[in-house]
């Protein structure tokens, strides 16, 4: 009986730990877009269509920016040095533009799902 209780307790601890590890691994594989030198890099990010994805957006500049995309339904103001995580559902093939709405002179970027 004691072995069953120990095994159950171990399982109750191990399963959440595995779930946390899976989330951590998913975040390590996140794609990245950086805002630096008054532009987004990469300017075009190619991703597989039909797969959910995680994109980390890093504001490596000294100014507040806004990561915005009507097509992706995202709008986030970002302070200098801030990093956000953008979780996207599986995208249909196509191009999804994004831009800094605070600075109209910054070239637009795009996420291209193929």
PDB file of N, CA and C in Angstrom:
ATOM      1  N   UNK A   1       0.812  -1.194   0.000  1.00  0.00           N
ATOM      2  CA  UNK A   1       0.000   0.000   0.000  1.00  0.00           C
ATOM      3  C   UNK A   1       0.859   1.263   0.000  1.00  0.00           C
ATOM      4  N   UNK A   2       1.917   1.253   0.801  1.00  0.00           N
ATOM      5  CA  UNK A   2       2.781   2.434   0.877  1.00  0.00           C
ATOM      6  C   UNK A   2       3.436   2.744  -0.462  1.00  0.00           C
ATOM      7  N   UNK A   3       3.809   1.694  -1.205  1.00  0.00           N
ATOM      8  CA  UNK A   3       4.416   1.905  -2.518  1.00  0.00           C
ATOM      9  C   UNK A   3       3.430   2.582  -3.452  1.00  0.00           C
ATOM     10  N   UNK A   4       2.166   2.217  -3.387  1.00  0.00           N
ATOM     11  CA  UNK A   4       1.142   2.829  -4.237  1.00  0.00           C
ATOM     12  C   UNK A   4       0.986   4.307  -3.926  1.00  0.00           C
ATOM     13  N   UNK A   5       1.000   4.641  -2.653  1.00  0.00           N
ATOM     14  CA  UNK A   5       0.878   6.043  -2.241  1.00  0.00           C
ATOM     15  C   UNK A   5       2.096   6.828  -2.717  1.00  0.00           C
ATOM     16  N   UNK A   6       3.283   6.275  -2.547  1.00  0.00           N
ATOM     17  CA  UNK A   6       4.511   6.945  -2.997  1.00  0.00           C
ATOM     18  C   UNK A   6       4.496   7.132  -4.513  1.00  0.00           C
ATOM     19  N   UNK A   7       4.073   6.106  -5.237  1.00  0.00           N
ATOM     20  CA  UNK A   7       4.010   6.192  -6.698  1.00  0.00           C
ATOM     21  C   UNK A   7       3.017   7.258  -7.139  1.00  0.00           C
ATOM     22  N   UNK A   8       1.871   7.315  -6.459  1.00  0.00           N
ATOM     23  CA  UNK A   8       0.869   8.332  -6.779  1.00  0.00           C
ATOM     24  C   UNK A   8       1.401   9.726  -6.500  1.00  0.00           C
ATOM     25  N   UNK A   9       2.054   9.912  -5.363  1.00  0.00           N
ATOM     26  CA  UNK A   9       2.612  11.225  -5.026  1.00  0.00           C
ATOM     27  C   UNK A   9       3.683  11.640  -6.033  1.00  0.00           C
ATOM     28  N   UNK A  10       4.519  10.693  -6.423  1.00  0.00           N
ATOM     29  CA  UNK A  10       5.548  10.972  -7.419  1.00  0.00           C
ATOM     30  C   UNK A  10       4.917  11.396  -8.736  1.00  0.00           C
ATOM     31  N   UNK A  11       3.865  10.707  -9.148  1.00  0.00           N
ATOM     32  CA  UNK A  11       3.182  11.044 -10.400  1.00  0.00           C
ATOM     33  C   UNK A  11       2.558  12.425 -10.327  1.00  0.00           C
ATOM     34  N   UNK A  12       1.985  12.779  -9.187  1.00  0.00           N
ATOM     35  CA  UNK A  12       1.366  14.100  -9.023  1.00  0.00           C
ATOM     36  C   UNK A  12       2.390  15.221  -9.116  1.00  0.00           C
ATOM     37  N   UNK A  13       3.617  14.944  -8.727  1.00  0.00           N
ATOM     38  CA  UNK A  13       4.681  15.944  -8.826  1.00  0.00           C
ATOM     39  C   UNK A  13       5.305  15.931 -10.218  1.00  0.00           C
ATOM     40  N   UNK A  14       5.526  14.756 -10.782  1.00  0.00           N
ATOM     41  CA  UNK A  14       6.245  14.628 -12.050  1.00  0.00           C
ATOM     42  C   UNK A  14       5.453  15.149 -13.238  1.00  0.00           C
ATOM     43  N   UNK A  15       4.158  14.888 -13.294  1.00  0.00           N
ATOM     44  CA  UNK A  15       3.363  15.297 -14.464  1.00  0.00           C
ATOM     45  C   UNK A  15       3.380  16.815 -14.650  1.00  0.00           C
ATOM     46  N   UNK A  16       3.105  17.626 -13.602  1.00  0.00           N
ATOM     47  CA  UNK A  16       3.203  19.082 -13.811  1.00  0.00           C
ATOM     48  C   UNK A  16       4.607  19.529 -14.207  1.00  0.00           C
ATOM     49  N   UNK A  17       5.636  18.864 -13.675  1.00  0.00           N
ATOM     50  CA  UNK A  17       7.007  19.228 -14.031  1.00  0.00           C
ATOM     51  C   UNK A  17       7.257  18.979 -15.519  1.00  0.00           C
ATOM     52  N   UNK A  18       6.725  17.883 -16.053  1.00  0.00           N
ATOM     53  CA  UNK A  18       6.876  17.602 -17.478  1.00  0.00           C
ATOM     54  C   UNK A  18       6.148  18.651 -18.306  1.00  0.00           C
ATOM     55  N   UNK A  19       4.985  19.075 -17.860  1.00  0.00           N
ATOM     56  CA  UNK A  19       4.238  20.114 -18.576  1.00  0.00           C
ATOM     57  C   UNK A  19       5.015  21.422 -18.583  1.00  0.00           C
ATOM     58  N   UNK A  20       5.622  21.767 -17.456  1.00  0.00           N
ATOM     59  CA  UNK A  20       6.434  22.994 -17.383  1.00  0.00           C
ATOM     60  C   UNK A  20       7.625  22.878 -18.325  1.00  0.00           C
ATOM     61  N   UNK A  21       8.259  21.723 -18.357  1.00  0.00           N
ATOM     62  CA  UNK A  21       9.404  21.524 -19.258  1.00  0.00           C
ATOM     63  C   UNK A  21       8.986  21.665 -20.705  1.00  0.00           C
ATOM     64  N   UNK A  22       7.816  21.158 -21.063  1.00  0.00           N
ATOM     65  CA  UNK A  22       7.338  21.264 -22.446  1.00  0.00           C
ATOM     66  C   UNK A  22       7.097  22.711 -22.818  1.00  0.00           C
ATOM     67  N   UNK A  23       6.542  23.495 -21.918  1.00  0.00           N
ATOM     68  CA  UNK A  23       6.332  24.918 -22.190  1.00  0.00           C
ATOM     69  C   UNK A  23       7.671  25.634 -22.330  1.00  0.00           C
ATOM     70  N   UNK A  24       8.610  25.315 -21.470  1.00  0.00           N
ATOM     71  CA  UNK A  24       9.933  25.948 -21.543  1.00  0.00           C
ATOM     72  C   UNK A  24      10.597  25.621 -22.875  1.00  0.00           C
ATOM     73  N   UNK A  25      10.513  24.355 -23.314  1.00  0.00           N
ATOM     74  CA  UNK A  25      11.100  23.977 -24.597  1.00  0.00           C
ATOM     75  C   UNK A  25      10.432  24.734 -25.734  1.00  0.00           C
ATOM     76  N   UNK A  26       9.122  24.910 -25.660  1.00  0.00           N
ATOM     77  CA  UNK A  26       8.412  25.634 -26.711  1.00  0.00           C
ATOM     78  C   UNK A  26       8.885  27.080 -26.772  1.00  0.00           C
ATOM     79  N   UNK A  27       9.123  27.701 -25.616  1.00  0.00           N
ATOM     80  CA  UNK A  27       9.582  29.086 -25.601  1.00  0.00           C
ATOM     81  C   UNK A  27      11.007  29.209 -26.147  1.00  0.00           C
ATOM     82  N   UNK A  28      11.848  28.189 -25.929  1.00  0.00           N
ATOM     83  CA  UNK A  28      13.210  28.237 -26.462  1.00  0.00           C
ATOM     84  C   UNK A  28      13.205  28.190 -27.984  1.00  0.00           C
ATOM     85  N   UNK A  29      12.177  27.597 -28.564  1.00  0.00           N
ATOM     86  CA  UNK A  29      12.116  27.487 -30.015  1.00  0.00           C
ATOM     87  C   UNK A  29      11.359  28.669 -30.634  1.00  0.00           C
ATOM     88  N   UNK A  30      11.041  29.677 -29.814  1.00  0.00           N
ATOM     89  CA  UNK A  30      10.311  30.832 -30.320  1.00  0.00           C
ATOM     90  C   UNK A  30      11.159  31.588 -31.340  1.00  0.00           C
ATOM     91  N   UNK A  31      10.486  32.114 -32.332  1.00  0.00           N
ATOM     92  CA  UNK A  31      11.135  32.977 -33.319  1.00  0.00           C
ATOM     93  C   UNK A  31      11.290  34.350 -32.696  1.00  0.00           C
ATOM     94  N   UNK A  32      12.162  35.171 -33.239  1.00  0.00           N
ATOM     95  CA  UNK A  32      12.400  36.482 -32.637  1.00  0.00           C
ATOM     96  C   UNK A  32      12.389  37.582 -33.689  1.00  0.00           C
ATOM     97  N   UNK A  33      11.758  38.681 -33.321  1.00  0.00           N
ATOM     98  CA  UNK A  33      11.803  39.920 -34.091  1.00  0.00           C
ATOM     99  C   UNK A  33      12.352  40.979 -33.143  1.00  0.00           C
ATOM    100  N   UNK A  34      13.386  41.693 -33.578  1.00  0.00           N
ATOM    101  CA  UNK A  34      13.991  42.747 -32.744  1.00  0.00           C
ATOM    102  C   UNK A  34      13.723  44.107 -33.367  1.00  0.00           C
ATOM    103  N   UNK A  35      13.415  45.076 -32.505  1.00  0.00           N
ATOM    104  CA  UNK A  35      13.346  46.460 -32.956  1.00  0.00           C
ATOM    105  C   UNK A  35      14.618  47.125 -32.475  1.00  0.00           C
ATOM    106  N   UNK A  36      15.434  47.550 -33.437  1.00  0.00           N
ATOM    107  CA  UNK A  36      16.737  48.135 -33.124  1.00  0.00           C
ATOM    108  C   UNK A  36      17.150  49.016 -34.289  1.00  0.00           C
ATOM    109  N   UNK A  37      17.819  50.114 -34.003  1.00  0.00           N
ATOM    110  CA  UNK A  37      18.274  51.040 -35.047  1.00  0.00           C
ATOM    111  C   UNK A  37      17.112  51.511 -35.917  1.00  0.00           C
ATOM    112  N   UNK A  38      15.982  51.750 -35.281  1.00  0.00           N
ATOM    113  CA  UNK A  38      14.789  52.308 -35.916  1.00  0.00           C
ATOM    114  C   UNK A  38      14.210  51.407 -37.011  1.00  0.00           C
ATOM    115  N   UNK A  39      14.302  50.070 -36.788  1.00  0.00           N
ATOM    116  CA  UNK A  39      13.716  49.120 -37.737  1.00  0.00           C
ATOM    117  C   UNK A  39      13.532  47.760 -37.075  1.00  0.00           C
ATOM    118  N   UNK A  40      12.657  46.965 -37.676  1.00  0.00           N
ATOM    119  CA  UNK A  40      12.450  45.595 -37.235  1.00  0.00           C
ATOM    120  C   UNK A  40      13.408  44.678 -37.981  1.00  0.00           C
ATOM    121  N   UNK A  41      13.965  43.703 -37.274  1.00  0.00           N
ATOM    122  CA  UNK A  41      14.846  42.723 -37.912  1.00  0.00           C
ATOM    123  C   UNK A  41      14.518  41.346 -37.353  1.00  0.00           C
ATOM    124  N   UNK A  42      14.278  40.377 -38.197  1.00  0.00           N
ATOM    125  CA  UNK A  42      14.231  40.519 -39.647  1.00  0.00           C
ATOM    126  C   UNK A  42      12.980  41.290 -40.067  1.00  0.00           C
ATOM    127  N   UNK A  43      13.081  41.909 -41.209  1.00  0.00           N
ATOM    128  CA  UNK A  43      11.943  42.652 -41.739  1.00  0.00           C
ATOM    129  C   UNK A  43      10.884  41.693 -42.288  1.00  0.00           C
ATOM    130  N   UNK A  44      11.333  40.560 -42.808  1.00  0.00           N
ATOM    131  CA  UNK A  44      10.422  39.511 -43.265  1.00  0.00           C
ATOM    132  C   UNK A  44      10.758  38.237 -42.515  1.00  0.00           C
ATOM    133  N   UNK A  45       9.748  37.674 -41.859  1.00  0.00           N
ATOM    134  CA  UNK A  45       9.912  36.442 -41.107  1.00  0.00           C
ATOM    135  C   UNK A  45       9.077  35.365 -41.799  1.00  0.00           C
ATOM    136  N   UNK A  46       9.749  34.347 -42.336  1.00  0.00           N
ATOM    137  CA  UNK A  46       9.057  33.245 -43.018  1.00  0.00           C
ATOM    138  C   UNK A  46       8.748  32.149 -42.005  1.00  0.00           C
ATOM    139  N   UNK A  47       7.484  31.719 -41.991  1.00  0.00           N
ATOM    140  CA  UNK A  47       7.031  30.700 -41.046  1.00  0.00           C
ATOM    141  C   UNK A  47       6.220  29.648 -41.802  1.00  0.00           C
ATOM    142  N   UNK A  48       6.113  28.447 -41.242  1.00  0.00           N
ATOM    143  CA  UNK A  48       5.285  27.430 -41.892  1.00  0.00           C
ATOM    144  C   UNK A  48       3.798  27.739 -41.697  1.00  0.00           C
ATOM    145  N   UNK A  49       3.027  27.612 -42.750  1.00  0.00           N
ATOM    146  CA  UNK A  49       1.578  27.785 -42.657  1.00  0.00           C
ATOM    147  C   UNK A  49       0.991  26.571 -41.939  1.00  0.00           C
ATOM    148  N   UNK A  50      -0.124  26.791 -41.289  1.00  0.00           N
ATOM    149  CA  UNK A  50      -0.831  25.685 -40.667  1.00  0.00           C
ATOM    150  C   UNK A  50      -0.280  25.230 -39.332  1.00  0.00           C
ATOM    151  N   UNK A  51       0.662  25.994 -38.746  1.00  0.00           N
ATOM    152  CA  UNK A  51       1.238  25.628 -37.451  1.00  0.00           C
ATOM    153  C   UNK A  51       1.155  26.822 -36.508  1.00  0.00           C
ATOM    154  N   UNK A  52       0.701  26.576 -35.287  1.00  0.00           N
ATOM    155  CA  UNK A  52       0.719  27.635 -34.275  1.00  0.00           C
ATOM    156  C   UNK A  52       2.173  28.003 -34.010  1.00  0.00           C
ATOM    157  N   UNK A  53       2.418  29.249 -33.649  1.00  0.00           N
ATOM    158  CA  UNK A  53       3.787  29.660 -33.386  1.00  0.00           C
ATOM    159  C   UNK A  53       3.882  30.700 -32.296  1.00  0.00           C
ATOM    160  N   UNK A  54       5.089  30.821 -31.784  1.00  0.00           N
ATOM    161  CA  UNK A  54       5.401  31.783 -30.738  1.00  0.00           C
ATOM    162  C   UNK A  54       6.498  32.691 -31.268  1.00  0.00           C
ATOM    163  N   UNK A  55       6.260  33.994 -31.159  1.00  0.00           N
ATOM    164  CA  UNK A  55       7.253  34.974 -31.599  1.00  0.00           C
ATOM    165  C   UNK A  55       7.586  35.873 -30.422  1.00  0.00           C
ATOM    166  N   UNK A  56       8.859  36.016 -30.147  1.00  0.00           N
ATOM    167  CA  UNK A  56       9.302  36.968 -29.138  1.00  0.00           C
ATOM    168  C   UNK A  56       9.637  38.262 -29.862  1.00  0.00           C
ATOM    169  N   UNK A  57       9.073  39.367 -29.397  1.00  0.00           N
ATOM    170  CA  UNK A  57       9.362  40.679 -29.961  1.00  0.00           C
ATOM    171  C   UNK A  57      10.172  41.428 -28.912  1.00  0.00           C
ATOM    172  N   UNK A  58      11.370  41.860 -29.299  1.00  0.00           N
ATOM    173  CA  UNK A  58      12.296  42.514 -28.389  1.00  0.00           C
ATOM    174  C   UNK A  58      12.453  43.972 -28.802  1.00  0.00           C
ATOM    175  N   UNK A  59      12.197  44.875 -27.883  1.00  0.00           N
ATOM    176  CA  UNK A  59      12.453  46.290 -28.131  1.00  0.00           C
ATOM    177  C   UNK A  59      13.851  46.598 -27.605  1.00  0.00           C
ATOM    178  N   UNK A  60      14.839  46.525 -28.487  1.00  0.00           N
ATOM    179  CA  UNK A  60      16.227  46.767 -28.113  1.00  0.00           C
ATOM    180  C   UNK A  60      16.616  48.228 -28.323  1.00  0.00           C
ATOM    181  N   UNK A  61      15.623  49.099 -28.454  1.00  0.00           N
ATOM    182  CA  UNK A  61      15.898  50.525 -28.669  1.00  0.00           C
ATOM    183  C   UNK A  61      15.734  51.299 -27.367  1.00  0.00           C
ATOM    184  N   UNK A  62      15.983  52.590 -27.441  1.00  0.00           N
ATOM    185  CA  UNK A  62      15.841  53.473 -26.291  1.00  0.00           C
ATOM    186  C   UNK A  62      14.525  54.228 -26.305  1.00  0.00           C
ATOM    187  N   UNK A  63      13.572  53.778 -27.094  1.00  0.00           N
ATOM    188  CA  UNK A  63      12.289  54.482 -27.197  1.00  0.00           C
ATOM    189  C   UNK A  63      11.119  53.503 -27.108  1.00  0.00           C
ATOM    190  N   UNK A  64       9.980  54.018 -26.694  1.00  0.00           N
ATOM    191  CA  UNK A  64       8.773  53.211 -26.648  1.00  0.00           C
ATOM    192  C   UNK A  64       8.267  53.026 -28.071  1.00  0.00           C
ATOM    193  N   UNK A  65       7.891  51.799 -28.378  1.00  0.00           N
ATOM    194  CA  UNK A  65       7.379  51.483 -29.709  1.00  0.00           C
ATOM    195  C   UNK A  65       6.020  50.801 -29.551  1.00  0.00           C
ATOM    196  N   UNK A  66       5.374  50.585 -30.667  1.00  0.00           N
ATOM    197  CA  UNK A  66       4.145  49.805 -30.655  1.00  0.00           C
ATOM    198  C   UNK A  66       4.248  48.731 -31.731  1.00  0.00           C
ATOM    199  N   UNK A  67       4.156  47.474 -31.304  1.00  0.00           N
ATOM    200  CA  UNK A  67       4.097  46.364 -32.246  1.00  0.00           C
ATOM    201  C   UNK A  67       2.629  46.201 -32.590  1.00  0.00           C
ATOM    202  N   UNK A  68       2.281  46.472 -33.858  1.00  0.00           N
ATOM    203  CA  UNK A  68       0.876  46.438 -34.255  1.00  0.00           C
ATOM    204  C   UNK A  68       0.703  45.704 -35.573  1.00  0.00           C
ATOM    205  N   UNK A  69      -0.416  44.970 -35.648  1.00  0.00           N
ATOM    206  CA  UNK A  69      -0.790  44.279 -36.877  1.00  0.00           C
ATOM    207  C   UNK A  69      -2.299  44.098 -36.887  1.00  0.00           C
ATOM    208  N   UNK A  70      -2.962  44.709 -37.875  1.00  0.00           N
ATOM    209  CA  UNK A  70      -4.400  44.505 -38.026  1.00  0.00           C
ATOM    210  C   UNK A  70      -4.689  43.057 -38.418  1.00  0.00           C
ATOM    211  N   UNK A  71      -3.888  42.524 -39.340  1.00  0.00           N
ATOM    212  CA  UNK A  71      -4.129  41.167 -39.843  1.00  0.00           C
ATOM    213  C   UNK A  71      -3.962  40.101 -38.758  1.00  0.00           C
ATOM    214  N   UNK A  72      -3.058  40.365 -37.802  1.00  0.00           N
ATOM    215  CA  UNK A  72      -2.836  39.412 -36.710  1.00  0.00           C
ATOM    216  C   UNK A  72      -3.641  39.765 -35.463  1.00  0.00           C
ATOM    217  N   UNK A  73      -4.350  40.883 -35.523  1.00  0.00           N
ATOM    218  CA  UNK A  73      -5.150  41.353 -34.395  1.00  0.00           C
ATOM    219  C   UNK A  73      -4.295  41.531 -33.139  1.00  0.00           C
ATOM    220  N   UNK A  74      -3.160  42.222 -33.293  1.00  0.00           N
ATOM    221  CA  UNK A  74      -2.243  42.465 -32.183  1.00  0.00           C
ATOM    222  C   UNK A  74      -1.891  43.946 -32.131  1.00  0.00           C
ATOM    223  N   UNK A  75      -1.803  44.479 -30.916  1.00  0.00           N
ATOM    224  CA  UNK A  75      -1.406  45.867 -30.701  1.00  0.00           C
ATOM    225  C   UNK A  75      -0.864  45.975 -29.280  1.00  0.00           C
ATOM    226  N   UNK A  76       0.469  46.155 -29.170  1.00  0.00           N
ATOM    227  CA  UNK A  76       1.111  46.202 -27.860  1.00  0.00           C
ATOM    228  C   UNK A  76       2.146  47.312 -27.842  1.00  0.00           C
ATOM    229  N   UNK A  77       2.014  48.228 -26.876  1.00  0.00           N
ATOM    230  CA  UNK A  77       3.045  49.250 -26.660  1.00  0.00           C
ATOM    231  C   UNK A  77       4.165  48.600 -25.847  1.00  0.00           C
ATOM    232  N   UNK A  78       5.410  48.896 -26.223  1.00  0.00           N
ATOM    233  CA  UNK A  78       6.569  48.281 -25.584  1.00  0.00           C
ATOM    234  C   UNK A  78       7.563  49.351 -25.151  1.00  0.00           C
ATOM    235  N   UNK A  79       7.949  49.322 -23.894  1.00  0.00           N
ATOM    236  CA  UNK A  79       8.933  50.264 -23.379  1.00  0.00           C
ATOM    237  C   UNK A  79      10.343  49.812 -23.784  1.00  0.00           C
ATOM    238  N   UNK A  80      11.326  50.697 -23.700  1.00  0.00           N
ATOM    239  CA  UNK A  80      12.702  50.313 -24.045  1.00  0.00           C
ATOM    240  C   UNK A  80      13.163  49.096 -23.234  1.00  0.00           C
ATOM    241  N   UNK A  81      13.761  48.140 -23.929  1.00  0.00           N
ATOM    242  CA  UNK A  81      14.276  46.938 -23.289  1.00  0.00           C
ATOM    243  C   UNK A  81      13.245  45.851 -23.031  1.00  0.00           C
ATOM    244  N   UNK A  82      11.988  46.120 -23.316  1.00  0.00           N
ATOM    245  CA  UNK A  82      10.931  45.139 -23.031  1.00  0.00           C
ATOM    246  C   UNK A  82      10.881  44.045 -24.101  1.00  0.00           C
ATOM    247  N   UNK A  83      10.545  42.834 -23.668  1.00  0.00           N
ATOM    248  CA  UNK A  83      10.325  41.701 -24.561  1.00  0.00           C
ATOM    249  C   UNK A  83       8.917  41.190 -24.321  1.00  0.00           C
ATOM    250  N   UNK A  84       8.183  40.957 -25.392  1.00  0.00           N
ATOM    251  CA  UNK A  84       6.848  40.375 -25.278  1.00  0.00           C
ATOM    252  C   UNK A  84       6.822  39.041 -26.018  1.00  0.00           C
ATOM    253  N   UNK A  85       5.883  38.210 -25.664  1.00  0.00           N
ATOM    254  CA  UNK A  85       5.674  36.947 -26.345  1.00  0.00           C
ATOM    255  C   UNK A  85       4.339  37.025 -27.067  1.00  0.00           C
ATOM    256  N   UNK A  86       4.375  36.797 -28.370  1.00  0.00           N
ATOM    257  CA  UNK A  86       3.169  36.827 -29.186  1.00  0.00           C
ATOM    258  C   UNK A  86       2.881  35.391 -29.615  1.00  0.00           C
ATOM    259  N   UNK A  87       1.770  34.870 -29.132  1.00  0.00           N
ATOM    260  CA  UNK A  87       1.354  33.510 -29.500  1.00  0.00           C
ATOM    261  C   UNK A  87       0.323  33.622 -30.608  1.00  0.00           C
ATOM    262  N   UNK A  88       0.604  32.961 -31.726  1.00  0.00           N
ATOM    263  CA  UNK A  88      -0.279  33.030 -32.884  1.00  0.00           C
ATOM    264  C   UNK A  88      -0.863  31.657 -33.192  1.00  0.00           C
ATOM    265  N   UNK A  89      -2.118  31.625 -33.598  1.00  0.00           N
ATOM    266  CA  UNK A  89      -2.701  30.352 -34.027  1.00  0.00           C
ATOM    267  C   UNK A  89      -2.102  29.960 -35.378  1.00  0.00           C
ATOM    268  N   UNK A  90      -2.439  28.789 -35.835  1.00  0.00           N
ATOM    269  CA  UNK A  90      -1.983  28.357 -37.159  1.00  0.00           C
ATOM    270  C   UNK A  90      -2.427  29.384 -38.195  1.00  0.00           C
ATOM    271  N   UNK A  91      -1.472  29.882 -38.980  1.00  0.00           N
ATOM    272  CA  UNK A  91      -1.770  30.901 -39.988  1.00  0.00           C
ATOM    273  C   UNK A  91      -2.048  30.252 -41.335  1.00  0.00           C
ATOM    274  N   UNK A  92      -3.003  30.810 -42.047  1.00  0.00           N
ATOM    275  CA  UNK A  92      -3.233  30.408 -43.427  1.00  0.00           C
ATOM    276  C   UNK A  92      -2.076  30.951 -44.264  1.00  0.00           C
ATOM    277  N   UNK A  93      -1.779  30.332 -45.406  1.00  0.00           N
ATOM    278  CA  UNK A  93      -0.734  30.883 -46.270  1.00  0.00           C
ATOM    279  C   UNK A  93      -1.045  32.337 -46.616  1.00  0.00           C
ATOM    280  N   UNK A  94      -0.016  33.170 -46.567  1.00  0.00           N
ATOM    281  CA  UNK A  94      -0.193  34.579 -46.898  1.00  0.00           C
ATOM    282  C   UNK A  94       0.802  35.451 -46.166  1.00  0.00           C
ATOM    283  N   UNK A  95       0.643  36.754 -46.326  1.00  0.00           N
ATOM    284  CA  UNK A  95       1.533  37.739 -45.720  1.00  0.00           C
ATOM    285  C   UNK A  95       0.757  38.547 -44.684  1.00  0.00           C
ATOM    286  N   UNK A  96       1.361  38.703 -43.518  1.00  0.00           N
ATOM    287  CA  UNK A  96       0.746  39.407 -42.392  1.00  0.00           C
ATOM    288  C   UNK A  96       1.687  40.542 -41.983  1.00  0.00           C
ATOM    289  N   UNK A  97       1.283  41.775 -42.271  1.00  0.00           N
ATOM    290  CA  UNK A  97       2.168  42.899 -41.991  1.00  0.00           C
ATOM    291  C   UNK A  97       2.121  43.285 -40.521  1.00  0.00           C
ATOM    292  N   UNK A  98       3.215  43.895 -40.050  1.00  0.00           N
ATOM    293  CA  UNK A  98       3.284  44.482 -38.716  1.00  0.00           C
ATOM    294  C   UNK A  98       4.099  45.768 -38.825  1.00  0.00           C
ATOM    295  N   UNK A  99       3.909  46.661 -37.864  1.00  0.00           N
ATOM    296  CA  UNK A  99       4.572  47.960 -37.941  1.00  0.00           C
ATOM    297  C   UNK A  99       4.620  48.599 -36.560  1.00  0.00           C
ATOM    298  N   UNK A 100       5.349  49.695 -36.469  1.00  0.00           N
ATOM    299  CA  UNK A 100       5.417  50.512 -35.256  1.00  0.00           C
ATOM    300  C   UNK A 100       4.519  51.710 -35.490  1.00  0.00           C
ATOM    301  N   UNK A 101       3.346  51.695 -34.898  1.00  0.00           N
ATOM    302  CA  UNK A 101       2.374  52.770 -35.118  1.00  0.00           C
ATOM    303  C   UNK A 101       2.814  54.083 -34.472  1.00  0.00           C
ATOM    304  N   UNK A 102       3.745  54.031 -33.522  1.00  0.00           N
ATOM    305  CA  UNK A 102       4.239  55.263 -32.889  1.00  0.00           C
ATOM    306  C   UNK A 102       5.216  56.019 -33.791  1.00  0.00           C
ATOM    307  N   UNK A 103       5.851  55.301 -34.720  1.00  0.00           N
ATOM    308  CA  UNK A 103       6.862  55.893 -35.598  1.00  0.00           C
ATOM    309  C   UNK A 103       6.532  55.522 -37.041  1.00  0.00           C
ATOM    310  N   UNK A 104       5.849  56.411 -37.729  1.00  0.00           N
ATOM    311  CA  UNK A 104       5.370  56.137 -39.084  1.00  0.00           C
ATOM    312  C   UNK A 104       6.499  55.953 -40.105  1.00  0.00           C
ATOM    313  N   UNK A 105       7.700  56.445 -39.774  1.00  0.00           N
ATOM    314  CA  UNK A 105       8.825  56.332 -40.721  1.00  0.00           C
ATOM    315  C   UNK A 105       9.559  54.995 -40.622  1.00  0.00           C
ATOM    316  N   UNK A 106       9.194  54.135 -39.691  1.00  0.00           N
ATOM    317  CA  UNK A 106       9.825  52.810 -39.570  1.00  0.00           C
ATOM    318  C   UNK A 106       9.240  51.906 -40.651  1.00  0.00           C
ATOM    319  N   UNK A 107      10.105  51.234 -41.418  1.00  0.00           N
ATOM    320  CA  UNK A 107       9.599  50.335 -42.461  1.00  0.00           C
ATOM    321  C   UNK A 107       8.744  49.201 -41.859  1.00  0.00           C
ATOM    322  N   UNK A 108       7.664  48.873 -42.561  1.00  0.00           N
ATOM    323  CA  UNK A 108       6.809  47.768 -42.129  1.00  0.00           C
ATOM    324  C   UNK A 108       7.566  46.457 -42.250  1.00  0.00           C
ATOM    325  N   UNK A 109       7.171  45.510 -41.428  1.00  0.00           N
ATOM    326  CA  UNK A 109       7.686  44.164 -41.526  1.00  0.00           C
ATOM    327  C   UNK A 109       6.555  43.243 -41.935  1.00  0.00           C
ATOM    328  N   UNK A 110       6.879  41.988 -42.211  1.00  0.00           N
ATOM    329  CA  UNK A 110       5.839  41.038 -42.547  1.00  0.00           C
ATOM    330  C   UNK A 110       6.227  39.635 -42.073  1.00  0.00           C
ATOM    331  N   UNK A 111       5.180  38.909 -41.702  1.00  0.00           N
ATOM    332  CA  UNK A 111       5.316  37.488 -41.403  1.00  0.00           C
ATOM    333  C   UNK A 111       4.663  36.779 -42.576  1.00  0.00           C
ATOM    334  N   UNK A 112       5.443  35.945 -43.251  1.00  0.00           N
ATOM    335  CA  UNK A 112       4.956  35.256 -44.449  1.00  0.00           C
ATOM    336  C   UNK A 112       4.807  33.771 -44.115  1.00  0.00           C
ATOM    337  N   UNK A 113       3.576  33.308 -44.183  1.00  0.00           N
ATOM    338  CA  UNK A 113       3.283  31.903 -43.921  1.00  0.00           C
ATOM    339  C   UNK A 113       3.209  31.160 -45.254  1.00  0.00           C
ATOM    340  N   UNK A 114       4.015  30.103 -45.383  1.00  0.00           N
ATOM    341  CA  UNK A 114       4.060  29.312 -46.619  1.00  0.00           C
ATOM    342  C   UNK A 114       3.792  27.863 -46.301  1.00  0.00           C
TER     343      UNK A 114
END
